[in-house]
Amino acid sequence: MNLKGKVHKYGADVNTDVIIPARYLSMSDPDELAQHCMEDIDADFLNTVKPGDIIMATTNFGCGSSREHAPLAIKAAGVSCVIAKSFARIFFRNAINIGLPLLECGDAVANTEAGDILEVDIANGEIKNLTKNKTFTAEPYPEFMSGLISAGGLIEYTRERLANRRI
């Protein structure tokens, strides 16, 4: 899976309350959630994000509560993947479960600025910063997790397996 997009960069400890504020947790429609994605940390995010864009952050991205709304809002906003030095573990699992690719790569984070254009090969963990002509490598997903992401998340993965009787 190859992705290409502009970087929206944030710092450390971007928590689920700023990814999707608690006042919107009564919503469950992904498109409605997307309309409030990142608004408490970046008021201009929805005006600048385009389908395929990439969120990048330093450490502990997705910390805070375990709400599944956070990765869902990011994916519904059109973000193709998130790259960070590290992720909160529950956020990582929730993102994989909905098919939102995440990559951990400190070198890419340290050498990328907001607005840079990246090309990301999820299968191989390769991150190319096309703006700076630099390439970085993240640890690729194990086969099972790669299958979850390719299918669009755990529900679609399970649906495909049941349809093909590969339980």
C-alpha atoms as a PDB file:
ATOM      1  CA  MET A   1       0.000   0.000   0.000  1.00  0.00           C
ATOM      2  CA  ASN A   2       1.614   3.261  -1.169  1.00  0.00           C
ATOM      3  CA  LEU A   3       0.420   6.562   0.218  1.00  0.00           C
ATOM      4  CA  LYS A   4       1.340  10.122  -0.642  1.00  0.00           C
ATOM      5  CA  GLY A   5       0.444  13.329   1.134  1.00  0.00           C
ATOM      6  CA  LYS A   6       1.361  16.558   2.861  1.00  0.00           C
ATOM      7  CA  VAL A   7       2.540  16.457   6.470  1.00  0.00           C
ATOM      8  CA  HIS A   8       0.612  18.044   9.338  1.00  0.00           C
ATOM      9  CA  LYS A   9       3.104  17.983  12.213  1.00  0.00           C
ATOM     10  CA  TYR A  10       2.479  18.093  15.955  1.00  0.00           C
ATOM     11  CA  GLY A  11       4.525  17.698  19.123  1.00  0.00           C
ATOM     12  CA  ALA A  12       4.476  15.262  22.021  1.00  0.00           C
ATOM     13  CA  ASP A  13       1.521  13.888  23.964  1.00  0.00           C
ATOM     14  CA  VAL A  14      -1.213  14.674  21.444  1.00  0.00           C
ATOM     15  CA  ASN A  15      -4.071  13.170  23.410  1.00  0.00           C
ATOM     16  CA  THR A  16      -7.405  11.810  22.320  1.00  0.00           C
ATOM     17  CA  ASP A  17      -9.165  14.853  23.837  1.00  0.00           C
ATOM     18  CA  VAL A  18      -7.557  17.145  21.264  1.00  0.00           C
ATOM     19  CA  ILE A  19      -7.876  14.639  18.422  1.00  0.00           C
ATOM     20  CA  ILE A  20     -11.640  14.516  18.998  1.00  0.00           C
ATOM     21  CA  PRO A  21     -12.894  16.568  21.949  1.00  0.00           C
ATOM     22  CA  ALA A  22     -15.147  14.834  24.496  1.00  0.00           C
ATOM     23  CA  ARG A  23     -18.040  17.168  23.661  1.00  0.00           C
ATOM     24  CA  TYR A  24     -18.446  15.251  20.376  1.00  0.00           C
ATOM     25  CA  LEU A  25     -18.395  11.726  21.780  1.00  0.00           C
ATOM     26  CA  SER A  26     -22.161  11.384  21.488  1.00  0.00           C
ATOM     27  CA  MET A  27     -21.624  11.302  17.715  1.00  0.00           C
ATOM     28  CA  SER A  28     -20.875   8.013  16.019  1.00  0.00           C
ATOM     29  CA  ASP A  29     -20.983   8.941  12.335  1.00  0.00           C
ATOM     30  CA  PRO A  30     -17.388   9.081  11.030  1.00  0.00           C
ATOM     31  CA  ASP A  31     -18.155  12.035   8.732  1.00  0.00           C
ATOM     32  CA  GLU A  32     -19.528  14.069  11.650  1.00  0.00           C
ATOM     33  CA  LEU A  33     -16.520  13.178  13.801  1.00  0.00           C
ATOM     34  CA  ALA A  34     -14.191  14.239  10.984  1.00  0.00           C
ATOM     35  CA  GLN A  35     -15.675  17.751  11.087  1.00  0.00           C
ATOM     36  CA  HIS A  36     -14.175  18.209  14.568  1.00  0.00           C
ATOM     37  CA  CYS A  37     -10.904  16.314  14.150  1.00  0.00           C
ATOM     38  CA  MET A  38      -7.916  18.136  15.694  1.00  0.00           C
ATOM     39  CA  GLU A  39      -9.919  21.349  16.220  1.00  0.00           C
ATOM     40  CA  ASP A  40      -8.669  21.870  19.786  1.00  0.00           C
ATOM     41  CA  ILE A  41      -5.000  21.618  18.800  1.00  0.00           C
ATOM     42  CA  ASP A  42      -5.129  22.996  15.248  1.00  0.00           C
ATOM     43  CA  ALA A  43      -8.140  25.182  14.434  1.00  0.00           C
ATOM     44  CA  ASP A  44      -7.101  25.322  10.769  1.00  0.00           C
ATOM     45  CA  PHE A  45      -6.678  21.544  10.318  1.00  0.00           C
ATOM     46  CA  LEU A  46      -9.996  20.944   8.546  1.00  0.00           C
ATOM     47  CA  ASN A  47      -9.348  23.845   6.172  1.00  0.00           C
ATOM     48  CA  THR A  48      -5.946  22.513   5.157  1.00  0.00           C
ATOM     49  CA  VAL A  49      -6.157  18.706   5.303  1.00  0.00           C
ATOM     50  CA  LYS A  50      -6.656  16.961   1.973  1.00  0.00           C
ATOM     51  CA  PRO A  51      -7.408  13.287   1.311  1.00  0.00           C
ATOM     52  CA  GLY A  52      -4.181  11.322   1.602  1.00  0.00           C
ATOM     53  CA  ASP A  53      -2.417  13.777   3.910  1.00  0.00           C
ATOM     54  CA  ILE A  54      -0.299  12.480   6.771  1.00  0.00           C
ATOM     55  CA  ILE A  55      -0.234  13.387  10.443  1.00  0.00           C
ATOM     56  CA  MET A  56       3.173  13.341  12.080  1.00  0.00           C
ATOM     57  CA  ALA A  57       3.987  13.811  15.764  1.00  0.00           C
ATOM     58  CA  THR A  58       6.800  13.257  18.188  1.00  0.00           C
ATOM     59  CA  THR A  59       6.132  10.979  21.169  1.00  0.00           C
ATOM     60  CA  ASN A  60       3.103   9.366  22.787  1.00  0.00           C
ATOM     61  CA  PHE A  61       0.588  10.234  20.064  1.00  0.00           C
ATOM     62  CA  GLY A  62      -2.957   9.237  21.034  1.00  0.00           C
ATOM     63  CA  CYS A  63      -2.439   9.190  24.785  1.00  0.00           C
ATOM     64  CA  GLY A  64      -5.343   9.758  27.162  1.00  0.00           C
ATOM     65  CA  SER A  65      -8.635   7.927  27.087  1.00  0.00           C
ATOM     66  CA  SER A  66      -9.160   4.802  25.050  1.00  0.00           C
ATOM     67  CA  ARG A  67     -11.888   6.269  22.856  1.00  0.00           C
ATOM     68  CA  GLU A  68     -12.137   4.667  19.444  1.00  0.00           C
ATOM     69  CA  HIS A  69     -13.530   7.932  18.114  1.00  0.00           C
ATOM     70  CA  ALA A  70     -10.001   9.408  17.844  1.00  0.00           C
ATOM     71  CA  PRO A  71      -8.518   7.199  15.094  1.00  0.00           C
ATOM     72  CA  LEU A  72     -11.938   7.054  13.431  1.00  0.00           C
ATOM     73  CA  ALA A  73     -12.079  10.868  13.206  1.00  0.00           C
ATOM     74  CA  ILE A  74      -8.545  10.980  11.767  1.00  0.00           C
ATOM     75  CA  LYS A  75      -9.313   8.362   9.124  1.00  0.00           C
ATOM     76  CA  ALA A  76     -12.651   9.972   8.225  1.00  0.00           C
ATOM     77  CA  ALA A  77     -10.911  13.354   7.832  1.00  0.00           C
ATOM     78  CA  GLY A  78      -8.968  11.787   4.941  1.00  0.00           C
ATOM     79  CA  VAL A  79      -5.630  11.237   6.680  1.00  0.00           C
ATOM     80  CA  SER A  80      -3.894   8.254   5.074  1.00  0.00           C
ATOM     81  CA  CYS A  81      -1.533   7.429   7.957  1.00  0.00           C
ATOM     82  CA  VAL A  82       0.077   8.722  11.122  1.00  0.00           C
ATOM     83  CA  ILE A  83       3.826   8.661  11.703  1.00  0.00           C
ATOM     84  CA  ALA A  84       5.313   9.311  15.141  1.00  0.00           C
ATOM     85  CA  LYS A  85       8.267   8.429  17.318  1.00  0.00           C
ATOM     86  CA  SER A  86       5.838   6.535  19.551  1.00  0.00           C
ATOM     87  CA  PHE A  87       2.126   5.914  20.088  1.00  0.00           C
ATOM     88  CA  ALA A  88      -0.027   5.222  23.106  1.00  0.00           C
ATOM     89  CA  ARG A  89      -0.632   1.480  22.922  1.00  0.00           C
ATOM     90  CA  ILE A  90      -4.447   1.601  23.098  1.00  0.00           C
ATOM     91  CA  PHE A  91      -4.544   4.229  20.352  1.00  0.00           C
ATOM     92  CA  PHE A  92      -2.238   2.031  18.250  1.00  0.00           C
ATOM     93  CA  ARG A  93      -4.549  -0.959  18.643  1.00  0.00           C
ATOM     94  CA  ASN A  94      -7.709   1.070  17.961  1.00  0.00           C
ATOM     95  CA  ALA A  95      -6.140   2.512  14.798  1.00  0.00           C
ATOM     96  CA  ILE A  96      -5.153  -0.903  13.465  1.00  0.00           C
ATOM     97  CA  ASN A  97      -8.635  -2.221  14.256  1.00  0.00           C
ATOM     98  CA  ILE A  98     -10.197   0.410  11.957  1.00  0.00           C
ATOM     99  CA  GLY A  99      -7.520   0.144   9.269  1.00  0.00           C
ATOM    100  CA  LEU A 100      -5.649   3.407   9.944  1.00  0.00           C
ATOM    101  CA  PRO A 101      -1.934   2.747   9.294  1.00  0.00           C
ATOM    102  CA  LEU A 102       0.559   3.968  11.886  1.00  0.00           C
ATOM    103  CA  LEU A 103       4.334   3.897  11.602  1.00  0.00           C
ATOM    104  CA  GLU A 104       6.923   4.543  14.298  1.00  0.00           C
ATOM    105  CA  CYS A 105      10.019   6.232  12.896  1.00  0.00           C
ATOM    106  CA  GLY A 106      11.926   8.783  14.953  1.00  0.00           C
ATOM    107  CA  ASP A 107      14.340   9.600  12.104  1.00  0.00           C
ATOM    108  CA  ALA A 108      11.491  10.549   9.776  1.00  0.00           C
ATOM    109  CA  VAL A 109       9.929  12.725  12.485  1.00  0.00           C
ATOM    110  CA  ALA A 110      13.226  14.472  13.224  1.00  0.00           C
ATOM    111  CA  ASN A 111      13.890  15.202   9.552  1.00  0.00           C
ATOM    112  CA  THR A 112      10.442  16.253   8.361  1.00  0.00           C
ATOM    113  CA  GLU A 113       8.670  19.592   8.618  1.00  0.00           C
ATOM    114  CA  ALA A 114       5.024  20.528   8.352  1.00  0.00           C
ATOM    115  CA  GLY A 115       4.135  20.896   4.685  1.00  0.00           C
ATOM    116  CA  ASP A 116       6.708  18.384   3.417  1.00  0.00           C
ATOM    117  CA  ILE A 117       5.371  15.802   0.971  1.00  0.00           C
ATOM    118  CA  LEU A 118       5.867  12.168   1.912  1.00  0.00           C
ATOM    119  CA  GLU A 119       5.443   8.946   0.000  1.00  0.00           C
ATOM    120  CA  VAL A 120       4.911   5.984   2.292  1.00  0.00           C
ATOM    121  CA  ASP A 121       5.114   2.288   1.457  1.00  0.00           C
ATOM    122  CA  ILE A 122       3.262   0.726   4.365  1.00  0.00           C
ATOM    123  CA  ALA A 123       4.158  -2.866   3.434  1.00  0.00           C
ATOM    124  CA  ASN A 124       7.903  -2.195   3.557  1.00  0.00           C
ATOM    125  CA  GLY A 125       7.916   0.592   6.152  1.00  0.00           C
ATOM    126  CA  GLU A 126       9.628   2.932   3.690  1.00  0.00           C
ATOM    127  CA  ILE A 127       9.032   6.661   4.157  1.00  0.00           C
ATOM    128  CA  LYS A 128      10.305   8.982   1.436  1.00  0.00           C
ATOM    129  CA  ASN A 129      10.396  12.691   2.123  1.00  0.00           C
ATOM    130  CA  LEU A 130      10.024  13.949  -1.440  1.00  0.00           C
ATOM    131  CA  THR A 131      10.530  17.565  -0.352  1.00  0.00           C
ATOM    132  CA  LYS A 132      13.954  16.869   1.175  1.00  0.00           C
ATOM    133  CA  ASN A 133      14.890  13.846  -0.947  1.00  0.00           C
ATOM    134  CA  LYS A 134      15.478  11.636   2.103  1.00  0.00           C
ATOM    135  CA  THR A 135      14.348   8.085   2.820  1.00  0.00           C
ATOM    136  CA  PHE A 136      13.635   6.519   6.203  1.00  0.00           C
ATOM    137  CA  THR A 137      12.691   3.030   7.293  1.00  0.00           C
ATOM    138  CA  ALA A 138      10.118   2.075   9.908  1.00  0.00           C
ATOM    139  CA  GLU A 139       9.497  -1.456  11.106  1.00  0.00           C
ATOM    140  CA  PRO A 140       6.937  -2.982   8.711  1.00  0.00           C
ATOM    141  CA  TYR A 141       3.858  -4.687  10.105  1.00  0.00           C
ATOM    142  CA  PRO A 142       3.742  -8.427  10.665  1.00  0.00           C
ATOM    143  CA  GLU A 143       1.686 -10.248   8.027  1.00  0.00           C
ATOM    144  CA  PHE A 144      -1.453 -10.491  10.178  1.00  0.00           C
ATOM    145  CA  MET A 145      -1.539  -6.776  11.012  1.00  0.00           C
ATOM    146  CA  SER A 146      -0.780  -5.901   7.409  1.00  0.00           C
ATOM    147  CA  GLY A 147      -3.803  -7.960   6.418  1.00  0.00           C
ATOM    148  CA  LEU A 148      -5.997  -6.059   8.874  1.00  0.00           C
ATOM    149  CA  ILE A 149      -4.903  -2.709   7.475  1.00  0.00           C
ATOM    150  CA  SER A 150      -5.223  -3.794   3.844  1.00  0.00           C
ATOM    151  CA  ALA A 151      -8.755  -5.041   4.501  1.00  0.00           C
ATOM    152  CA  GLY A 152      -9.753  -1.726   6.094  1.00  0.00           C
ATOM    153  CA  GLY A 153      -9.792  -2.943   9.683  1.00  0.00           C
ATOM    154  CA  LEU A 154     -10.765  -5.866  11.855  1.00  0.00           C
ATOM    155  CA  ILE A 155     -14.439  -5.984  10.858  1.00  0.00           C
ATOM    156  CA  GLU A 156     -13.717  -6.021   7.116  1.00  0.00           C
ATOM    157  CA  TYR A 157     -10.874  -8.502   7.615  1.00  0.00           C
ATOM    158  CA  THR A 158     -13.211 -10.846   9.481  1.00  0.00           C
ATOM    159  CA  ARG A 159     -15.963 -10.365   6.886  1.00  0.00           C
ATOM    160  CA  GLU A 160     -13.542 -11.334   4.095  1.00  0.00           C
ATOM    161  CA  ARG A 161     -12.342 -14.393   5.982  1.00  0.00           C
ATOM    162  CA  LEU A 162     -15.887 -15.556   6.677  1.00  0.00           C
ATOM    163  CA  ALA A 163     -16.924 -15.001   3.068  1.00  0.00           C
ATOM    164  CA  ASN A 164     -13.981 -17.108   1.919  1.00  0.00           C
ATOM    165  CA  ARG A 165     -14.459 -19.582   4.790  1.00  0.00           C
ATOM    166  CA  ARG A 166     -10.924 -18.978   6.093  1.00  0.00           C
ATOM    167  CA  ILE A 167     -11.770 -18.766   9.769  1.00  0.00           C
END
